[in-house]
PDB file of all heavy atoms in Angstrom:
ATOM      1  N   LEU A   1      -7.764 -17.629   9.311  1.00  0.00           N
ATOM      2  CA  LEU A   1      -7.867 -16.161   9.456  1.00  0.00           C
ATOM      3  C   LEU A   1      -9.248 -15.847   9.995  1.00  0.00           C
ATOM      4  O   LEU A   1     -10.242 -16.465   9.619  1.00  0.00           O
ATOM      5  CB  LEU A   1      -7.712 -15.496   8.092  1.00  0.00           C
ATOM      6  CG  LEU A   1      -6.329 -15.101   7.601  1.00  0.00           C
ATOM      7  CD1 LEU A   1      -6.368 -14.832   6.094  1.00  0.00           C
ATOM      8  CD2 LEU A   1      -5.823 -13.864   8.339  1.00  0.00           C
ATOM      9  N   GLU A   2      -9.301 -14.836  10.873  1.00  0.00           N
ATOM     10  CA  GLU A   2     -10.594 -14.416  11.419  1.00  0.00           C
ATOM     11  C   GLU A   2     -10.691 -12.899  11.385  1.00  0.00           C
ATOM     12  O   GLU A   2      -9.768 -12.192  11.816  1.00  0.00           O
ATOM     13  CB  GLU A   2     -10.751 -14.900  12.868  1.00  0.00           C
ATOM     14  CG  GLU A   2     -12.079 -14.473  13.494  1.00  0.00           C
ATOM     15  CD  GLU A   2     -12.191 -14.877  14.963  1.00  0.00           C
ATOM     16  OE1 GLU A   2     -11.197 -14.787  15.703  1.00  0.00           O
ATOM     17  OE2 GLU A   2     -13.310 -15.238  15.358  1.00  0.00           O
ATOM     18  N   ASN A   3     -11.800 -12.409  10.859  1.00  0.00           N
ATOM     19  CA  ASN A   3     -12.123 -10.984  10.982  1.00  0.00           C
ATOM     20  C   ASN A   3     -12.902 -10.789  12.280  1.00  0.00           C
ATOM     21  O   ASN A   3     -14.013 -11.268  12.424  1.00  0.00           O
ATOM     22  CB  ASN A   3     -12.946 -10.505   9.783  1.00  0.00           C
ATOM     23  CG  ASN A   3     -13.138  -9.000   9.813  1.00  0.00           C
ATOM     24  OD1 ASN A   3     -13.874  -8.477  10.654  1.00  0.00           O
ATOM     25  ND2 ASN A   3     -12.518  -8.303   8.885  1.00  0.00           N
ATOM     26  N   TYR A   4     -12.279 -10.119  13.226  1.00  0.00           N
ATOM     27  CA  TYR A   4     -12.846  -9.962  14.555  1.00  0.00           C
ATOM     28  C   TYR A   4     -13.132  -8.473  14.771  1.00  0.00           C
ATOM     29  O   TYR A   4     -12.194  -7.683  14.920  1.00  0.00           O
ATOM     30  CB  TYR A   4     -11.878 -10.493  15.614  1.00  0.00           C
ATOM     31  CG  TYR A   4     -12.332 -10.316  17.048  1.00  0.00           C
ATOM     32  CD1 TYR A   4     -13.349 -11.079  17.595  1.00  0.00           C
ATOM     33  CD2 TYR A   4     -11.715  -9.355  17.848  1.00  0.00           C
ATOM     34  CE1 TYR A   4     -13.766 -10.905  18.915  1.00  0.00           C
ATOM     35  CE2 TYR A   4     -12.120  -9.176  19.186  1.00  0.00           C
ATOM     36  CZ  TYR A   4     -13.151  -9.940  19.693  1.00  0.00           C
ATOM     37  OH  TYR A   4     -13.535  -9.760  20.999  1.00  0.00           O
ATOM     38  N   ASN A   5     -14.396  -8.099  14.743  1.00  0.00           N
ATOM     39  CA  ASN A   5     -14.789  -6.711  14.947  1.00  0.00           C
ATOM     40  C   ASN A   5     -14.046  -5.756  14.023  1.00  0.00           C
ATOM     41  O   ASN A   5     -13.615  -4.675  14.420  1.00  0.00           O
ATOM     42  CB  ASN A   5     -14.600  -6.285  16.403  1.00  0.00           C
ATOM     43  CG  ASN A   5     -15.518  -7.037  17.359  1.00  0.00           C
ATOM     44  OD1 ASN A   5     -16.588  -7.506  16.965  1.00  0.00           O
ATOM     45  ND2 ASN A   5     -15.091  -7.184  18.616  1.00  0.00           N
ATOM     46  N   GLY A   6     -13.886  -6.184  12.777  1.00  0.00           N
ATOM     47  CA  GLY A   6     -13.291  -5.309  11.769  1.00  0.00           C
ATOM     48  C   GLY A   6     -11.784  -5.360  11.666  1.00  0.00           C
ATOM     49  O   GLY A   6     -11.216  -4.716  10.783  1.00  0.00           O
ATOM     50  N   LYS A   7     -11.134  -6.128  12.549  1.00  0.00           N
ATOM     51  CA  LYS A   7      -9.679  -6.316  12.464  1.00  0.00           C
ATOM     52  C   LYS A   7      -9.393  -7.808  12.318  1.00  0.00           C
ATOM     53  O   LYS A   7     -10.268  -8.646  12.576  1.00  0.00           O
ATOM     54  CB  LYS A   7      -8.991  -5.722  13.684  1.00  0.00           C
ATOM     55  CG  LYS A   7      -9.132  -4.208  13.790  1.00  0.00           C
ATOM     56  CD  LYS A   7      -8.362  -3.632  14.974  1.00  0.00           C
ATOM     57  CE  LYS A   7      -8.506  -2.122  15.022  1.00  0.00           C
ATOM     58  NZ  LYS A   7      -7.722  -1.533  16.164  1.00  0.00           N
ATOM     59  N   TRP A   8      -8.165  -8.119  11.943  1.00  0.00           N
ATOM     60  CA  TRP A   8      -7.857  -9.498  11.583  1.00  0.00           C
ATOM     61  C   TRP A   8      -6.898 -10.186  12.546  1.00  0.00           C
ATOM     62  O   TRP A   8      -5.956  -9.567  13.064  1.00  0.00           O
ATOM     63  CB  TRP A   8      -7.244  -9.525  10.165  1.00  0.00           C
ATOM     64  CG  TRP A   8      -8.229  -9.209   9.100  1.00  0.00           C
ATOM     65  CD1 TRP A   8      -8.575  -7.965   8.637  1.00  0.00           C
ATOM     66  CD2 TRP A   8      -9.002 -10.136   8.352  1.00  0.00           C
ATOM     67  NE1 TRP A   8      -9.521  -8.050   7.655  1.00  0.00           N
ATOM     68  CE2 TRP A   8      -9.808  -9.393   7.445  1.00  0.00           C
ATOM     69  CE3 TRP A   8      -9.088 -11.516   8.335  1.00  0.00           C
ATOM     70  CZ2 TRP A   8     -10.690  -9.994   6.557  1.00  0.00           C
ATOM     71  CZ3 TRP A   8      -9.967 -12.131   7.449  1.00  0.00           C
ATOM     72  CH2 TRP A   8     -10.769 -11.366   6.582  1.00  0.00           C
ATOM     73  N   ILE A   9      -7.167 -11.482  12.742  1.00  0.00           N
ATOM     74  CA  ILE A   9      -6.281 -12.383  13.484  1.00  0.00           C
ATOM     75  C   ILE A   9      -5.939 -13.543  12.551  1.00  0.00           C
ATOM     76  O   ILE A   9      -6.844 -14.171  11.977  1.00  0.00           O
ATOM     77  CB  ILE A   9      -6.949 -12.937  14.754  1.00  0.00           C
ATOM     78  CG1 ILE A   9      -7.448 -11.816  15.672  1.00  0.00           C
ATOM     79  CG2 ILE A   9      -5.953 -13.836  15.512  1.00  0.00           C
ATOM     80  CD1 ILE A   9      -8.309 -12.301  16.840  1.00  0.00           C
ATOM     81  N   LEU A  10      -4.668 -13.843  12.405  1.00  0.00           N
ATOM     82  CA  LEU A  10      -4.205 -15.048  11.725  1.00  0.00           C
ATOM     83  C   LEU A  10      -3.703 -15.994  12.817  1.00  0.00           C
ATOM     84  O   LEU A  10      -2.710 -15.723  13.465  1.00  0.00           O
ATOM     85  CB  LEU A  10      -3.077 -14.720  10.734  1.00  0.00           C
ATOM     86  CG  LEU A  10      -2.366 -15.931  10.111  1.00  0.00           C
ATOM     87  CD1 LEU A  10      -3.333 -16.830   9.388  1.00  0.00           C
ATOM     88  CD2 LEU A  10      -1.248 -15.462   9.178  1.00  0.00           C
ATOM     89  N   TYR A  11      -4.401 -17.107  12.982  1.00  0.00           N
ATOM     90  CA  TYR A  11      -4.081 -17.974  14.112  1.00  0.00           C
ATOM     91  C   TYR A  11      -2.884 -18.884  13.869  1.00  0.00           C
ATOM     92  O   TYR A  11      -2.297 -19.393  14.828  1.00  0.00           O
ATOM     93  CB  TYR A  11      -5.307 -18.812  14.482  1.00  0.00           C
ATOM     94  CG  TYR A  11      -6.395 -17.994  15.165  1.00  0.00           C
ATOM     95  CD1 TYR A  11      -7.595 -17.707  14.530  1.00  0.00           C
ATOM     96  CD2 TYR A  11      -6.185 -17.469  16.430  1.00  0.00           C
ATOM     97  CE1 TYR A  11      -8.569 -16.954  15.137  1.00  0.00           C
ATOM     98  CE2 TYR A  11      -7.154 -16.702  17.053  1.00  0.00           C
ATOM     99  CZ  TYR A  11      -8.337 -16.442  16.394  1.00  0.00           C
ATOM    100  OH  TYR A  11      -9.306 -15.678  17.028  1.00  0.00           O
ATOM    101  N   GLY A  12      -2.512 -19.095  12.621  1.00  0.00           N
ATOM    102  CA  GLY A  12      -1.345 -19.946  12.384  1.00  0.00           C
ATOM    103  C   GLY A  12      -0.755 -19.736  11.007  1.00  0.00           C
ATOM    104  O   GLY A  12      -1.432 -19.946  10.006  1.00  0.00           O
ATOM    105  N   THR A  13       0.509 -19.305  10.967  1.00  0.00           N
ATOM    106  CA  THR A  13       1.189 -19.097   9.701  1.00  0.00           C
ATOM    107  C   THR A  13       1.713 -20.401   9.091  1.00  0.00           C
ATOM    108  O   THR A  13       2.074 -20.440   7.915  1.00  0.00           O
ATOM    109  CB  THR A  13       2.397 -18.182   9.903  1.00  0.00           C
ATOM    110  OG1 THR A  13       3.291 -18.819  10.833  1.00  0.00           O
ATOM    111  CG2 THR A  13       2.003 -16.818  10.437  1.00  0.00           C
ATOM    112  N   GLY A  14       1.765 -21.479   9.916  1.00  0.00           N
ATOM    113  CA  GLY A  14       2.567 -22.608   9.501  1.00  0.00           C
ATOM    114  C   GLY A  14       4.048 -22.218   9.550  1.00  0.00           C
ATOM    115  O   GLY A  14       4.405 -21.137  10.005  1.00  0.00           O
ATOM    116  N   ASN A  15       4.914 -23.122   9.122  1.00  0.00           N
ATOM    117  CA  ASN A  15       6.339 -22.772   9.014  1.00  0.00           C
ATOM    118  C   ASN A  15       6.548 -21.868   7.812  1.00  0.00           C
ATOM    119  O   ASN A  15       5.689 -21.754   6.928  1.00  0.00           O
ATOM    120  CB  ASN A  15       7.174 -24.030   8.844  1.00  0.00           C
ATOM    121  CG  ASN A  15       7.099 -24.941  10.056  1.00  0.00           C
ATOM    122  OD1 ASN A  15       7.057 -24.490  11.189  1.00  0.00           O
ATOM    123  ND2 ASN A  15       7.041 -26.253   9.802  1.00  0.00           N
ATOM    124  N   LEU A  16       7.728 -21.259   7.739  1.00  0.00           N
ATOM    125  CA  LEU A  16       8.153 -20.606   6.509  1.00  0.00           C
ATOM    126  C   LEU A  16       8.904 -21.590   5.631  1.00  0.00           C
ATOM    127  O   LEU A  16       8.736 -21.655   4.424  1.00  0.00           O
ATOM    128  CB  LEU A  16       9.032 -19.402   6.814  1.00  0.00           C
ATOM    129  CG  LEU A  16       9.626 -18.696   5.601  1.00  0.00           C
ATOM    130  CD1 LEU A  16       8.531 -18.187   4.672  1.00  0.00           C
ATOM    131  CD2 LEU A  16      10.525 -17.540   6.014  1.00  0.00           C
ATOM    132  N   ILE A  17       9.747 -22.410   6.250  1.00  0.00           N
ATOM    133  CA  ILE A  17      10.436 -23.500   5.564  1.00  0.00           C
ATOM    134  C   ILE A  17      10.790 -24.553   6.597  1.00  0.00           C
ATOM    135  O   ILE A  17      11.082 -24.222   7.742  1.00  0.00           O
ATOM    136  CB  ILE A  17      11.707 -23.005   4.799  1.00  0.00           C
ATOM    137  CG1 ILE A  17      12.253 -24.089   3.869  1.00  0.00           C
ATOM    138  CG2 ILE A  17      12.746 -22.525   5.786  1.00  0.00           C
ATOM    139  CD1 ILE A  17      11.385 -24.392   2.677  1.00  0.00           C
ATOM    140  N   SER A  18      10.730 -25.819   6.217  1.00  0.00           N
ATOM    141  CA  SER A  18      11.093 -26.884   7.135  1.00  0.00           C
ATOM    142  C   SER A  18      11.379 -28.147   6.349  1.00  0.00           C
ATOM    143  O   SER A  18      10.983 -28.283   5.183  1.00  0.00           O
ATOM    144  CB  SER A  18       9.941 -27.157   8.135  1.00  0.00           C
ATOM    145  OG  SER A  18       8.777 -27.590   7.446  1.00  0.00           O
ATOM    146  N   GLU A  19      12.080 -29.055   7.002  1.00  0.00           N
ATOM    147  CA  GLU A  19      12.286 -30.380   6.481  1.00  0.00           C
ATOM    148  C   GLU A  19      10.958 -31.147   6.488  1.00  0.00           C
ATOM    149  O   GLU A  19      10.083 -30.849   7.311  1.00  0.00           O
ATOM    150  CB  GLU A  19      13.328 -31.085   7.330  1.00  0.00           C
ATOM    151  CG  GLU A  19      13.795 -32.424   6.831  1.00  0.00           C
ATOM    152  CD  GLU A  19      14.867 -33.004   7.761  1.00  0.00           C
ATOM    153  OE1 GLU A  19      16.027 -32.611   7.639  1.00  0.00           O
ATOM    154  OE2 GLU A  19      14.525 -33.830   8.626  1.00  0.00           O
ATOM    155  N   SER A  20      10.801 -32.112   5.623  1.00  0.00           N
ATOM    156  CA  SER A  20       9.534 -32.859   5.552  1.00  0.00           C
ATOM    157  C   SER A  20       9.311 -33.701   6.816  1.00  0.00           C
ATOM    158  O   SER A  20      10.224 -34.378   7.287  1.00  0.00           O
ATOM    159  CB  SER A  20       9.516 -33.768   4.333  1.00  0.00           C
ATOM    160  OG  SER A  20       9.436 -33.029   3.143  1.00  0.00           O
ATOM    161  N   ALA A  21       8.090 -33.623   7.317  1.00  0.00           N
ATOM    162  CA  ALA A  21       7.668 -34.462   8.443  1.00  0.00           C
ATOM    163  C   ALA A  21       6.981 -35.701   7.887  1.00  0.00           C
ATOM    164  O   ALA A  21       6.604 -35.775   6.715  1.00  0.00           O
ATOM    165  CB  ALA A  21       6.728 -33.665   9.319  1.00  0.00           C
ATOM    166  N   PRO A  22       6.767 -36.721   8.720  1.00  0.00           N
ATOM    167  CA  PRO A  22       6.045 -37.916   8.268  1.00  0.00           C
ATOM    168  C   PRO A  22       4.647 -37.570   7.793  1.00  0.00           C
ATOM    169  O   PRO A  22       4.093 -36.521   8.136  1.00  0.00           O
ATOM    170  CB  PRO A  22       5.996 -38.802   9.537  1.00  0.00           C
ATOM    171  CG  PRO A  22       7.108 -38.299  10.400  1.00  0.00           C
ATOM    172  CD  PRO A  22       7.227 -36.839  10.118  1.00  0.00           C
ATOM    173  N   PRO A  23       4.035 -38.478   6.992  1.00  0.00           N
ATOM    174  CA  PRO A  23       2.723 -38.177   6.398  1.00  0.00           C
ATOM    175  C   PRO A  23       1.651 -37.768   7.416  1.00  0.00           C
ATOM    176  O   PRO A  23       0.799 -36.927   7.108  1.00  0.00           O
ATOM    177  CB  PRO A  23       2.367 -39.507   5.702  1.00  0.00           C
ATOM    178  CG  PRO A  23       3.676 -40.127   5.373  1.00  0.00           C
ATOM    179  CD  PRO A  23       4.587 -39.759   6.508  1.00  0.00           C
ATOM    180  N   GLN A  24       1.680 -38.340   8.608  1.00  0.00           N
ATOM    181  CA  GLN A  24       0.647 -37.983   9.583  1.00  0.00           C
ATOM    182  C   GLN A  24       0.768 -36.540  10.048  1.00  0.00           C
ATOM    183  O   GLN A  24      -0.179 -35.984  10.588  1.00  0.00           O
ATOM    184  CB  GLN A  24       0.676 -38.928  10.786  1.00  0.00           C
ATOM    185  CG  GLN A  24       1.937 -38.848  11.657  1.00  0.00           C
ATOM    186  CD  GLN A  24       3.002 -39.810  11.218  1.00  0.00           C
ATOM    187  OE1 GLN A  24       3.058 -40.235  10.057  1.00  0.00           O
ATOM    188  NE2 GLN A  24       3.857 -40.218  12.153  1.00  0.00           N
ATOM    189  N   ASN A  25       1.930 -35.939   9.802  1.00  0.00           N
ATOM    190  CA  ASN A  25       2.131 -34.537  10.163  1.00  0.00           C
ATOM    191  C   ASN A  25       2.430 -33.686   8.900  1.00  0.00           C
ATOM    192  O   ASN A  25       3.229 -32.785   8.921  1.00  0.00           O
ATOM    193  CB  ASN A  25       3.289 -34.388  11.152  1.00  0.00           C
ATOM    194  CG  ASN A  25       2.988 -34.978  12.509  1.00  0.00           C
ATOM    195  OD1 ASN A  25       1.818 -34.972  12.943  1.00  0.00           O
ATOM    196  ND2 ASN A  25       3.980 -35.478  13.202  1.00  0.00           N
ATOM    197  N   ARG A  26       1.746 -34.037   7.808  1.00  0.00           N
ATOM    198  CA  ARG A  26       2.028 -33.353   6.553  1.00  0.00           C
ATOM    199  C   ARG A  26       1.784 -31.853   6.613  1.00  0.00           C
ATOM    200  O   ARG A  26       2.359 -31.109   5.818  1.00  0.00           O
ATOM    201  CB  ARG A  26       1.190 -33.957   5.411  1.00  0.00           C
ATOM    202  CG  ARG A  26      -0.296 -33.729   5.552  1.00  0.00           C
ATOM    203  CD  ARG A  26      -1.091 -34.342   4.432  1.00  0.00           C
ATOM    204  NE  ARG A  26      -2.534 -34.140   4.600  1.00  0.00           N
ATOM    205  CZ  ARG A  26      -3.430 -34.584   3.744  1.00  0.00           C
ATOM    206  NH1 ARG A  26      -3.057 -35.269   2.665  1.00  0.00           N
ATOM    207  NH2 ARG A  26      -4.712 -34.343   3.957  1.00  0.00           N
ATOM    208  N   VAL A  27       0.955 -31.390   7.540  1.00  0.00           N
ATOM    209  CA  VAL A  27       0.726 -29.931   7.679  1.00  0.00           C
ATOM    210  C   VAL A  27       2.024 -29.182   7.974  1.00  0.00           C
ATOM    211  O   VAL A  27       2.126 -27.982   7.689  1.00  0.00           O
ATOM    212  CB  VAL A  27      -0.308 -29.635   8.779  1.00  0.00           C
ATOM    213  CG1 VAL A  27      -1.686 -30.150   8.359  1.00  0.00           C
ATOM    214  CG2 VAL A  27       0.097 -30.245  10.123  1.00  0.00           C
TER     215      VAL A  27
END
């Protein structure tokens, strides 16, 4: 999340739901 000149940007929500990925892609 970034506060940019008093307003906000969220650069990545991630998924809302997903099947598990391999450990190297645990994010």
